[in-house]
C-alpha atoms as a PDB file:
ATOM      1  CA  MET A   1      16.693  14.875 -11.844  1.00  0.00           C
ATOM      2  CA  ASN A   2      14.137  17.421 -10.635  1.00  0.00           C
ATOM      3  CA  GLU A   3      12.265  16.639  -7.449  1.00  0.00           C
ATOM      4  CA  TRP A   4       9.970  14.324  -9.412  1.00  0.00           C
ATOM      5  CA  SER A   5       9.607  12.657 -12.802  1.00  0.00           C
ATOM      6  CA  VAL A   6       6.951  10.505 -14.454  1.00  0.00           C
ATOM      7  CA  ALA A   7       7.841   6.822 -14.147  1.00  0.00           C
ATOM      8  CA  VAL A   8       4.683   5.307 -15.684  1.00  0.00           C
ATOM      9  CA  GLU A   9       2.383   7.650 -17.583  1.00  0.00           C
ATOM     10  CA  GLN A  10      -0.892   5.792 -17.187  1.00  0.00           C
ATOM     11  CA  ARG A  11      -4.162   7.185 -15.875  1.00  0.00           C
ATOM     12  CA  HIS A  12      -4.881   4.716 -13.087  1.00  0.00           C
ATOM     13  CA  ARG A  13      -8.328   5.191 -11.607  1.00  0.00           C
ATOM     14  CA  LEU A  14      -7.035   4.437  -8.110  1.00  0.00           C
ATOM     15  CA  GLY A  15      -3.363   3.471  -8.084  1.00  0.00           C
ATOM     16  CA  GLU A  16      -2.326   1.924  -4.747  1.00  0.00           C
ATOM     17  CA  GLY A  17      -0.563  -0.947  -2.989  1.00  0.00           C
ATOM     18  CA  LEU A  18       3.071  -0.356  -4.005  1.00  0.00           C
ATOM     19  CA  HIS A  19       5.483  -3.167  -3.084  1.00  0.00           C
ATOM     20  CA  TRP A  20       9.127  -3.790  -4.065  1.00  0.00           C
ATOM     21  CA  GLU A  21       9.991  -7.451  -4.727  1.00  0.00           C
ATOM     22  CA  ALA A  22      13.789  -7.298  -4.612  1.00  0.00           C
ATOM     23  CA  GLY A  23      14.467 -10.903  -5.640  1.00  0.00           C
ATOM     24  CA  ARG A  24      12.901 -10.318  -9.054  1.00  0.00           C
ATOM     25  CA  ALA A  25      13.572  -6.569  -9.276  1.00  0.00           C
ATOM     26  CA  ARG A  26       9.856  -5.894  -9.652  1.00  0.00           C
ATOM     27  CA  LEU A  27       7.784  -2.993  -8.443  1.00  0.00           C
ATOM     28  CA  TRP A  28       4.184  -4.104  -7.894  1.00  0.00           C
ATOM     29  CA  TRP A  29       1.055  -1.994  -7.522  1.00  0.00           C
ATOM     30  CA  VAL A  30      -2.693  -2.182  -8.149  1.00  0.00           C
ATOM     31  CA  ASP A  31      -5.476  -0.090  -9.597  1.00  0.00           C
ATOM     32  CA  ILE A  32      -8.211  -0.718  -7.045  1.00  0.00           C
ATOM     33  CA  GLN A  33     -11.207   0.445  -9.031  1.00  0.00           C
ATOM     34  CA  ALA A  34     -10.078  -1.015 -12.360  1.00  0.00           C
ATOM     35  CA  GLY A  35      -9.377  -4.403 -10.759  1.00  0.00           C
ATOM     36  CA  THR A  36      -5.879  -4.616 -12.224  1.00  0.00           C
ATOM     37  CA  VAL A  37      -2.463  -5.679 -10.898  1.00  0.00           C
ATOM     38  CA  HIS A  38       0.739  -4.206 -12.335  1.00  0.00           C
ATOM     39  CA  ALA A  39       4.402  -5.287 -12.204  1.00  0.00           C
ATOM     40  CA  TRP A  40       7.387  -3.379 -13.563  1.00  0.00           C
ATOM     41  CA  ASN A  41      10.885  -4.834 -13.829  1.00  0.00           C
ATOM     42  CA  LEU A  42      13.161  -1.865 -13.123  1.00  0.00           C
ATOM     43  CA  HIS A  43      16.189  -3.614 -14.675  1.00  0.00           C
ATOM     44  CA  LEU A  44      14.703  -4.451 -18.074  1.00  0.00           C
ATOM     45  CA  GLY A  45      13.317  -1.039 -18.958  1.00  0.00           C
ATOM     46  CA  GLU A  46      10.225  -2.628 -20.493  1.00  0.00           C
ATOM     47  CA  PRO A  47       6.639  -1.409 -20.026  1.00  0.00           C
ATOM     48  CA  PRO A  48       4.838  -2.737 -16.929  1.00  0.00           C
ATOM     49  CA  LEU A  49       2.895  -5.982 -17.112  1.00  0.00           C
ATOM     50  CA  THR A  50      -0.814  -5.811 -16.331  1.00  0.00           C
ATOM     51  CA  TRP A  51      -3.292  -8.464 -15.178  1.00  0.00           C
ATOM     52  CA  ARG A  52      -7.044  -8.088 -14.704  1.00  0.00           C
ATOM     53  CA  VAL A  53      -8.525  -9.758 -11.624  1.00  0.00           C
ATOM     54  CA  PRO A  54     -12.210 -10.471 -10.951  1.00  0.00           C
ATOM     55  CA  GLU A  55     -12.795  -7.934  -8.161  1.00  0.00           C
ATOM     56  CA  ARG A  56     -11.538  -4.635  -6.801  1.00  0.00           C
ATOM     57  CA  VAL A  57      -8.036  -5.254  -5.465  1.00  0.00           C
ATOM     58  CA  GLY A  58      -6.477  -3.339  -2.578  1.00  0.00           C
ATOM     59  CA  TRP A  59      -2.988  -4.836  -2.541  1.00  0.00           C
ATOM     60  CA  VAL A  60      -0.595  -7.511  -3.795  1.00  0.00           C
ATOM     61  CA  LEU A  61       2.208  -9.203  -1.817  1.00  0.00           C
ATOM     62  CA  PRO A  62       4.685 -11.991  -2.632  1.00  0.00           C
ATOM     63  CA  LEU A  63       4.000 -15.239  -0.775  1.00  0.00           C
ATOM     64  CA  ARG A  64       6.879 -17.400   0.471  1.00  0.00           C
ATOM     65  CA  ARG A  65       7.232 -20.434   2.685  1.00  0.00           C
ATOM     66  CA  HIS A  66       9.169 -19.976   5.926  1.00  0.00           C
ATOM     67  CA  GLY A  67      12.864 -20.314   5.178  1.00  0.00           C
ATOM     68  CA  GLU A  68      12.319 -20.228   1.427  1.00  0.00           C
ATOM     69  CA  ALA A  69      14.333 -17.845  -0.738  1.00  0.00           C
ATOM     70  CA  THR A  70      13.179 -16.311  -4.010  1.00  0.00           C
ATOM     71  CA  ASP A  71      14.020 -18.538  -6.971  1.00  0.00           C
ATOM     72  CA  PRO A  72      15.705 -16.113  -9.403  1.00  0.00           C
ATOM     73  CA  GLN A  73      15.196 -18.582 -12.275  1.00  0.00           C
ATOM     74  CA  ALA A  74      11.410 -18.524 -11.913  1.00  0.00           C
ATOM     75  CA  GLU A  75       9.745 -15.676 -13.736  1.00  0.00           C
ATOM     76  CA  PHE A  76       7.033 -15.384 -11.089  1.00  0.00           C
ATOM     77  CA  GLY A  77       6.331 -16.709  -7.644  1.00  0.00           C
ATOM     78  CA  PRO A  78       3.026 -17.099  -5.813  1.00  0.00           C
ATOM     79  CA  MET A  79       1.343 -13.902  -4.636  1.00  0.00           C
ATOM     80  CA  LEU A  80      -1.432 -12.929  -2.253  1.00  0.00           C
ATOM     81  CA  LEU A  81      -4.137 -10.505  -3.377  1.00  0.00           C
ATOM     82  CA  GLY A  82      -6.312  -8.422  -1.094  1.00  0.00           C
ATOM     83  CA  LEU A  83      -9.512  -8.539  -3.142  1.00  0.00           C
ATOM     84  CA  GLN A  84     -12.862  -7.033  -2.236  1.00  0.00           C
ATOM     85  CA  GLY A  85     -14.062 -10.403  -0.982  1.00  0.00           C
ATOM     86  CA  GLY A  86     -10.934 -11.276   0.986  1.00  0.00           C
ATOM     87  CA  VAL A  87      -7.408 -12.644   0.695  1.00  0.00           C
ATOM     88  CA  VAL A  88      -6.596 -15.199  -1.977  1.00  0.00           C
ATOM     89  CA  ARG A  89      -3.550 -16.889  -3.500  1.00  0.00           C
ATOM     90  CA  TRP A  90      -2.783 -15.885  -7.094  1.00  0.00           C
ATOM     91  CA  ASP A  91      -0.367 -17.178  -9.746  1.00  0.00           C
ATOM     92  CA  PRO A  92       0.838 -14.359 -12.046  1.00  0.00           C
ATOM     93  CA  GLY A  93       2.284 -16.922 -14.449  1.00  0.00           C
ATOM     94  CA  THR A  94      -1.158 -18.303 -15.282  1.00  0.00           C
ATOM     95  CA  GLY A  95      -3.302 -15.449 -13.992  1.00  0.00           C
ATOM     96  CA  GLU A  96      -5.297 -17.992 -11.984  1.00  0.00           C
ATOM     97  CA  ILE A  97      -6.695 -17.624  -8.475  1.00  0.00           C
ATOM     98  CA  ASP A  98      -6.677 -20.630  -6.147  1.00  0.00           C
ATOM     99  CA  PRO A  99     -10.357 -21.011  -5.182  1.00  0.00           C
ATOM    100  CA  ALA A 100      -9.463 -23.134  -2.158  1.00  0.00           C
ATOM    101  CA  SER A 101      -7.243 -20.443  -0.650  1.00  0.00           C
ATOM    102  CA  TRP A 102      -9.835 -17.773   0.209  1.00  0.00           C
ATOM    103  CA  ILE A 103      -9.670 -16.100   3.608  1.00  0.00           C
ATOM    104  CA  ARG A 104     -12.988 -14.239   3.762  1.00  0.00           C
ATOM    105  CA  PRO A 105     -13.548 -11.569   6.436  1.00  0.00           C
ATOM    106  CA  TRP A 106     -17.207 -10.994   5.439  1.00  0.00           C
ATOM    107  CA  PRO A 107     -19.962 -12.684   3.402  1.00  0.00           C
ATOM    108  CA  GLU A 108     -19.861 -12.567  -0.388  1.00  0.00           C
ATOM    109  CA  GLY A 109     -21.626  -9.504  -1.798  1.00  0.00           C
ATOM    110  CA  SER A 110     -20.738  -7.297   1.177  1.00  0.00           C
ATOM    111  CA  PRO A 111     -19.965  -3.618   0.397  1.00  0.00           C
ATOM    112  CA  LEU A 112     -16.873  -3.919   2.593  1.00  0.00           C
ATOM    113  CA  ARG A 113     -13.488  -4.358   0.947  1.00  0.00           C
ATOM    114  CA  LEU A 114      -9.804  -4.619   1.781  1.00  0.00           C
ATOM    115  CA  ASN A 115      -7.822  -1.444   1.142  1.00  0.00           C
ATOM    116  CA  ASP A 116      -4.114  -1.378   2.047  1.00  0.00           C
ATOM    117  CA  ALA A 117      -1.723  -3.802   3.717  1.00  0.00           C
ATOM    118  CA  LYS A 118       1.838  -4.699   4.654  1.00  0.00           C
ATOM    119  CA  ALA A 119       3.569  -7.799   5.957  1.00  0.00           C
ATOM    120  CA  ASP A 120       5.597  -7.637   9.166  1.00  0.00           C
ATOM    121  CA  ALA A 121       8.822  -9.455  10.017  1.00  0.00           C
ATOM    122  CA  SER A 122       6.864 -12.572  11.025  1.00  0.00           C
ATOM    123  CA  GLY A 123       5.346 -12.789   7.550  1.00  0.00           C
ATOM    124  CA  ARG A 124       1.858 -11.986   8.785  1.00  0.00           C
ATOM    125  CA  ILE A 125      -0.203  -9.224   7.202  1.00  0.00           C
ATOM    126  CA  TRP A 126      -1.710  -6.064   8.654  1.00  0.00           C
ATOM    127  CA  ALA A 127      -4.606  -4.882   6.482  1.00  0.00           C
ATOM    128  CA  GLY A 128      -7.280  -2.198   6.618  1.00  0.00           C
ATOM    129  CA  SER A 129     -10.790  -2.130   5.205  1.00  0.00           C
ATOM    130  CA  LEU A 130     -13.633   0.240   4.363  1.00  0.00           C
ATOM    131  CA  ASN A 131     -17.241   0.348   3.180  1.00  0.00           C
ATOM    132  CA  HIS A 132     -16.920   0.898  -0.570  1.00  0.00           C
ATOM    133  CA  GLY A 133     -20.576   1.885  -0.832  1.00  0.00           C
ATOM    134  CA  ASP A 134     -20.365   4.624   1.806  1.00  0.00           C
ATOM    135  CA  GLU A 135     -16.930   5.746   2.983  1.00  0.00           C
ATOM    136  CA  GLN A 136     -18.484   7.913   5.704  1.00  0.00           C
ATOM    137  CA  ARG A 137     -19.667   4.838   7.597  1.00  0.00           C
ATOM    138  CA  PRO A 138     -17.275   3.716  10.361  1.00  0.00           C
ATOM    139  CA  ASP A 139     -17.345   0.123   9.128  1.00  0.00           C
ATOM    140  CA  GLY A 140     -13.619  -0.192   8.455  1.00  0.00           C
ATOM    141  CA  CYS A 141     -11.149  -2.022  10.649  1.00  0.00           C
ATOM    142  CA  LEU A 142      -7.517  -3.016  11.107  1.00  0.00           C
ATOM    143  CA  MET A 143      -7.053  -6.757  10.875  1.00  0.00           C
ATOM    144  CA  HIS A 144      -4.257  -9.262  11.322  1.00  0.00           C
ATOM    145  CA  ILE A 145      -4.026 -12.059   8.733  1.00  0.00           C
ATOM    146  CA  ASP A 146      -1.900 -15.200   9.077  1.00  0.00           C
ATOM    147  CA  PRO A 147      -1.414 -16.899   5.676  1.00  0.00           C
ATOM    148  CA  ALA A 148       0.151 -19.949   7.337  1.00  0.00           C
ATOM    149  CA  THR A 149      -3.037 -20.794   9.232  1.00  0.00           C
ATOM    150  CA  SER A 150      -5.565 -18.994   6.955  1.00  0.00           C
ATOM    151  CA  THR A 151      -6.840 -17.096   9.973  1.00  0.00           C
ATOM    152  CA  LEU A 152      -7.902 -13.492  10.373  1.00  0.00           C
ATOM    153  CA  LYS A 153      -8.517 -11.388  13.460  1.00  0.00           C
ATOM    154  CA  VAL A 154      -9.914  -7.847  13.752  1.00  0.00           C
ATOM    155  CA  LEU A 155      -7.816  -5.864  16.238  1.00  0.00           C
ATOM    156  CA  ASP A 156      -9.175  -2.325  15.859  1.00  0.00           C
ATOM    157  CA  ALA A 157     -12.430  -0.994  14.399  1.00  0.00           C
ATOM    158  CA  GLY A 158     -14.411   2.177  13.765  1.00  0.00           C
ATOM    159  CA  TYR A 159     -12.476   3.432  10.705  1.00  0.00           C
ATOM    160  CA  ARG A 160     -14.073   5.192   7.743  1.00  0.00           C
ATOM    161  CA  VAL A 161     -11.194   4.620   5.298  1.00  0.00           C
ATOM    162  CA  ALA A 162      -8.474   2.505   6.897  1.00  0.00           C
ATOM    163  CA  ASN A 163      -5.201   3.175   5.140  1.00  0.00           C
ATOM    164  CA  GLY A 164      -1.452   2.855   4.975  1.00  0.00           C
ATOM    165  CA  PRO A 165      -0.140   0.485   7.631  1.00  0.00           C
ATOM    166  CA  ALA A 166       3.520   1.370   8.188  1.00  0.00           C
ATOM    167  CA  ILE A 167       5.956  -0.515  10.420  1.00  0.00           C
ATOM    168  CA  HIS A 168       8.925   1.271  12.014  1.00  0.00           C
ATOM    169  CA  PRO A 169      12.447  -0.091  11.317  1.00  0.00           C
ATOM    170  CA  ASP A 170      12.689  -1.386  14.889  1.00  0.00           C
ATOM    171  CA  GLY A 171       9.553  -3.484  14.305  1.00  0.00           C
ATOM    172  CA  GLN A 172       7.937  -2.259  17.512  1.00  0.00           C
ATOM    173  CA  LEU A 173       5.725   0.557  16.208  1.00  0.00           C
ATOM    174  CA  LEU A 174       2.828   0.348  13.758  1.00  0.00           C
ATOM    175  CA  LEU A 175       1.103   3.397  12.288  1.00  0.00           C
ATOM    176  CA  HIS A 176      -2.381   3.169  10.793  1.00  0.00           C
ATOM    177  CA  THR A 177      -4.610   5.838   9.294  1.00  0.00           C
ATOM    178  CA  ASP A 178      -8.227   6.872   9.056  1.00  0.00           C
ATOM    179  CA  SER A 179      -8.061   8.992   5.930  1.00  0.00           C
ATOM    180  CA  VAL A 180     -11.557  10.475   6.343  1.00  0.00           C
ATOM    181  CA  THR A 181     -10.867  11.794   9.848  1.00  0.00           C
ATOM    182  CA  ARG A 182      -7.324  12.850   8.761  1.00  0.00           C
ATOM    183  CA  THR A 183      -5.769  10.971  11.651  1.00  0.00           C
ATOM    184  CA  ILE A 184      -2.704   8.734  11.895  1.00  0.00           C
ATOM    185  CA  TYR A 185      -2.752   6.443  14.920  1.00  0.00           C
ATOM    186  CA  ALA A 186       0.240   4.755  16.563  1.00  0.00           C
ATOM    187  CA  PHE A 187       0.289   1.339  18.230  1.00  0.00           C
ATOM    188  CA  ASP A 188       2.929  -0.619  20.103  1.00  0.00           C
ATOM    189  CA  LEU A 189       3.513  -3.713  17.969  1.00  0.00           C
ATOM    190  CA  ASP A 190       4.417  -7.263  18.962  1.00  0.00           C
ATOM    191  CA  ALA A 191       4.809  -8.945  15.575  1.00  0.00           C
ATOM    192  CA  ASP A 192       5.653 -12.370  17.054  1.00  0.00           C
ATOM    193  CA  GLU A 193       2.391 -12.449  18.969  1.00  0.00           C
ATOM    194  CA  GLY A 194       0.363 -10.557  16.350  1.00  0.00           C
ATOM    195  CA  ARG A 195      -0.666  -8.005  18.944  1.00  0.00           C
ATOM    196  CA  ILE A 196      -1.033  -4.211  19.073  1.00  0.00           C
ATOM    197  CA  ASP A 197      -1.503  -2.101  22.214  1.00  0.00           C
ATOM    198  CA  ASN A 198      -1.526   1.484  23.463  1.00  0.00           C
ATOM    199  CA  LYS A 199      -3.438   3.169  20.622  1.00  0.00           C
ATOM    200  CA  ARG A 200      -2.821   6.934  20.462  1.00  0.00           C
ATOM    201  CA  VAL A 201      -3.011   9.757  17.923  1.00  0.00           C
ATOM    202  CA  TRP A 202       0.339  10.168  16.170  1.00  0.00           C
ATOM    203  CA  LYS A 203      -0.611  13.100  13.929  1.00  0.00           C
ATOM    204  CA  GLN A 204      -3.747  15.037  12.968  1.00  0.00           C
ATOM    205  CA  PHE A 205      -4.008  16.852   9.607  1.00  0.00           C
ATOM    206  CA  HIS A 206      -5.913  20.008   8.701  1.00  0.00           C
ATOM    207  CA  GLY A 207      -6.798  22.334   5.829  1.00  0.00           C
ATOM    208  CA  ASP A 208      -4.896  22.111   2.565  1.00  0.00           C
ATOM    209  CA  GLU A 209      -2.708  19.227   3.815  1.00  0.00           C
ATOM    210  CA  GLY A 210      -5.334  16.881   2.379  1.00  0.00           C
ATOM    211  CA  HIS A 211      -5.982  13.424   3.814  1.00  0.00           C
ATOM    212  CA  PRO A 212      -3.231  11.014   4.940  1.00  0.00           C
ATOM    213  CA  ASP A 213      -3.138   7.980   2.650  1.00  0.00           C
ATOM    214  CA  GLY A 214      -0.455   5.337   2.000  1.00  0.00           C
ATOM    215  CA  MET A 215       2.821   5.590   3.888  1.00  0.00           C
ATOM    216  CA  ASN A 216       6.190   3.925   4.482  1.00  0.00           C
ATOM    217  CA  PHE A 217       9.072   4.334   6.888  1.00  0.00           C
ATOM    218  CA  ASP A 218      12.604   4.815   5.588  1.00  0.00           C
ATOM    219  CA  ALA A 219      15.724   3.211   7.075  1.00  0.00           C
ATOM    220  CA  GLU A 220      16.330   6.266   9.272  1.00  0.00           C
ATOM    221  CA  GLY A 221      12.887   6.102  10.854  1.00  0.00           C
ATOM    222  CA  GLY A 222      11.415   8.948   8.805  1.00  0.00           C
ATOM    223  CA  LEU A 223       7.821   8.484   7.664  1.00  0.00           C
ATOM    224  CA  TRP A 224       6.947   9.181   4.007  1.00  0.00           C
ATOM    225  CA  LEU A 225       3.273   9.947   3.486  1.00  0.00           C
ATOM    226  CA  ALA A 226       1.025  10.370   0.441  1.00  0.00           C
ATOM    227  CA  HIS A 227      -1.514  13.215   0.744  1.00  0.00           C
ATOM    228  CA  TRP A 228      -4.879  12.491  -0.913  1.00  0.00           C
ATOM    229  CA  GLY A 229      -6.241  15.870  -2.012  1.00  0.00           C
ATOM    230  CA  GLY A 230      -2.979  17.528  -0.993  1.00  0.00           C
ATOM    231  CA  ALA A 231      -0.972  17.148  -4.241  1.00  0.00           C
ATOM    232  CA  CYS A 232       2.190  16.159  -2.401  1.00  0.00           C
ATOM    233  CA  ILE A 233       4.152  13.662  -0.378  1.00  0.00           C
ATOM    234  CA  SER A 234       5.848  14.505   2.917  1.00  0.00           C
ATOM    235  CA  ARG A 235       8.560  13.131   5.142  1.00  0.00           C
ATOM    236  CA  TYR A 236       8.088  13.357   8.911  1.00  0.00           C
ATOM    237  CA  ALA A 237      10.402  12.873  11.858  1.00  0.00           C
ATOM    238  CA  PRO A 238       9.495  10.228  14.471  1.00  0.00           C
ATOM    239  CA  ASN A 239       7.846  12.967  16.571  1.00  0.00           C
ATOM    240  CA  GLY A 240       5.679  14.094  13.624  1.00  0.00           C
ATOM    241  CA  ASP A 241       7.663  17.205  12.680  1.00  0.00           C
ATOM    242  CA  LEU A 242       7.709  17.941   8.943  1.00  0.00           C
ATOM    243  CA  LEU A 243      11.142  17.331   7.384  1.00  0.00           C
ATOM    244  CA  ARG A 244      10.401  17.660   3.675  1.00  0.00           C
ATOM    245  CA  ARG A 245       7.466  18.191   1.328  1.00  0.00           C
ATOM    246  CA  VAL A 246       7.441  17.478  -2.429  1.00  0.00           C
ATOM    247  CA  ALA A 247       4.660  19.020  -4.522  1.00  0.00           C
ATOM    248  CA  LEU A 248       3.316  16.821  -7.328  1.00  0.00           C
ATOM    249  CA  PRO A 249       1.283  17.743 -10.429  1.00  0.00           C
ATOM    250  CA  THR A 250      -1.981  16.074  -9.405  1.00  0.00           C
ATOM    251  CA  SER A 251      -4.072  16.276  -6.279  1.00  0.00           C
ATOM    252  CA  HIS A 252      -4.886  12.682  -5.333  1.00  0.00           C
ATOM    253  CA  ILE A 253      -1.620  11.070  -4.210  1.00  0.00           C
ATOM    254  CA  THR A 254      -2.118   7.578  -2.805  1.00  0.00           C
ATOM    255  CA  ASN A 255       1.012   5.625  -1.867  1.00  0.00           C
ATOM    256  CA  VAL A 256       4.805   5.720  -1.541  1.00  0.00           C
ATOM    257  CA  CYS A 257       7.434   2.973  -1.733  1.00  0.00           C
ATOM    258  CA  PHE A 258      11.224   2.687  -1.874  1.00  0.00           C
ATOM    259  CA  ALA A 259      12.583   0.370  -4.561  1.00  0.00           C
ATOM    260  CA  GLY A 260      15.688  -0.509  -6.566  1.00  0.00           C
ATOM    261  CA  PRO A 261      18.764  -2.566  -5.578  1.00  0.00           C
ATOM    262  CA  GLY A 262      19.895   0.162  -3.205  1.00  0.00           C
ATOM    263  CA  LEU A 263      16.373   0.927  -1.916  1.00  0.00           C
ATOM    264  CA  ASP A 264      17.117   4.519  -2.893  1.00  0.00           C
ATOM    265  CA  ARG A 265      14.422   5.081  -5.549  1.00  0.00           C
ATOM    266  CA  LEU A 266      11.119   6.469  -4.277  1.00  0.00           C
ATOM    267  CA  PHE A 267       7.938   5.721  -6.241  1.00  0.00           C
ATOM    268  CA  VAL A 268       4.513   7.301  -5.783  1.00  0.00           C
ATOM    269  CA  THR A 269       1.068   6.293  -7.076  1.00  0.00           C
ATOM    270  CA  SER A 270      -1.866   8.604  -7.789  1.00  0.00           C
ATOM    271  CA  ALA A 271      -5.510   8.507  -8.903  1.00  0.00           C
ATOM    272  CA  THR A 272      -8.057  10.022 -11.247  1.00  0.00           C
ATOM    273  CA  ALA A 273     -10.876   8.864  -8.961  1.00  0.00           C
ATOM    274  CA  GLY A 274     -12.549  11.709  -7.132  1.00  0.00           C
ATOM    275  CA  LEU A 275     -11.652  14.323  -9.733  1.00  0.00           C
ATOM    276  CA  SER A 276     -14.333  16.259 -11.587  1.00  0.00           C
ATOM    277  CA  ASP A 277     -14.179  16.364 -15.385  1.00  0.00           C
ATOM    278  CA  GLU A 278     -12.690  19.849 -15.147  1.00  0.00           C
ATOM    279  CA  GLN A 279     -10.076  18.801 -12.590  1.00  0.00           C
ATOM    280  CA  SER A 280      -9.166  15.716 -14.615  1.00  0.00           C
ATOM    281  CA  ALA A 281      -8.675  17.802 -17.767  1.00  0.00           C
ATOM    282  CA  ALA A 282      -6.490  20.242 -15.841  1.00  0.00           C
ATOM    283  CA  GLN A 283      -4.371  17.412 -14.380  1.00  0.00           C
ATOM    284  CA  PRO A 284      -3.201  15.310 -17.357  1.00  0.00           C
ATOM    285  CA  LEU A 285      -0.755  13.372 -15.169  1.00  0.00           C
ATOM    286  CA  ALA A 286      -3.442  12.272 -12.709  1.00  0.00           C
ATOM    287  CA  GLY A 287      -3.203   8.515 -12.192  1.00  0.00           C
ATOM    288  CA  ALA A 288       0.473   8.304 -13.151  1.00  0.00           C
ATOM    289  CA  VAL A 289       3.239   6.613 -11.179  1.00  0.00           C
ATOM    290  CA  PHE A 290       5.922   9.145 -10.242  1.00  0.00           C
ATOM    291  CA  GLU A 291       9.513   8.827  -9.087  1.00  0.00           C
ATOM    292  CA  VAL A 292      10.656  11.338  -6.475  1.00  0.00           C
ATOM    293  CA  ASP A 293      14.279  12.232  -5.760  1.00  0.00           C
ATOM    294  CA  ALA A 294      14.903  10.707  -2.324  1.00  0.00           C
ATOM    295  CA  GLN A 295      18.025  12.868  -1.867  1.00  0.00           C
ATOM    296  CA  GLY A 296      20.122  10.035  -0.501  1.00  0.00           C
ATOM    297  CA  VAL A 297      17.524   8.603   1.878  1.00  0.00           C
ATOM    298  CA  LYS A 298      17.089   4.832   1.660  1.00  0.00           C
ATOM    299  CA  GLY A 299      14.043   2.718   2.396  1.00  0.00           C
ATOM    300  CA  LEU A 300      13.292  -0.595   4.035  1.00  0.00           C
ATOM    301  CA  PRO A 301      13.010  -3.944   2.219  1.00  0.00           C
ATOM    302  CA  GLY A 302       9.502  -4.936   1.194  1.00  0.00           C
ATOM    303  CA  LEU A 303       8.579  -7.974   3.296  1.00  0.00           C
ATOM    304  CA  PRO A 304       6.717 -10.965   1.835  1.00  0.00           C
ATOM    305  CA  ALA A 305       3.824 -12.822   3.393  1.00  0.00           C
ATOM    306  CA  LEU A 306       4.911 -16.207   4.788  1.00  0.00           C
ATOM    307  CA  ALA A 307       2.938 -19.411   4.709  1.00  0.00           C
END
């Protein structure tokens, strides 16, 4: 194929939160502003499934018990949603939220919301937040969530738009982004202890590169990054050097994720949010999900949350 193709031609307002659930061959993502969750079975070739949830939703992750494998006979398993009001257990089969499962980082009605997240090898979640009412306020943070104990701890603060946690293949490095300040930070990660240390700037962006958004490491340790306002994704070496850049036909690119049985298919979400009427008309593929030719590079398995 060419460098990119349209995988799902749908004008998501703010597509985000890509996750590959290998056991059921499903690619998951969300539309934050529309309050919808989407799942696409790559084997069946059918249109994606869509659910509406009661609040803005930043991410969706499969939820497993320690030592439990995916039941291939079950159409769906339990999931965790990162809603505006916090983390909650959700059943895609019924569409119901478990009201007793809320983990709330702030009072109901707060303008703060969860934005992007990933699980680490321990099954705990690293999630960012922002002030949805004013993204210039440094109210966002990086938090550590343990589904097994329903506990949450803020480990770094002062972000405008916290975005794109990414965990290196060796499990010892975590990258996290402040999209507004165009900065990716690096931390030494101890997943077993749920601890990060030694915060430093990993890469600073300027000019027409746009703003760093969602990101994922590949199996070789290369970092794939979505550029909000930059109309592209990029792959970077561990030292931050640019290895590859793929231009895409819309400006607001939000997230990247490897999927498929061989983890060799690269999917990208985008958004119509933030575009003027003129820009939206000129970018008819804004909000679509794209597939980019990974050129033989393979990704890392999507990790579930563990309870």
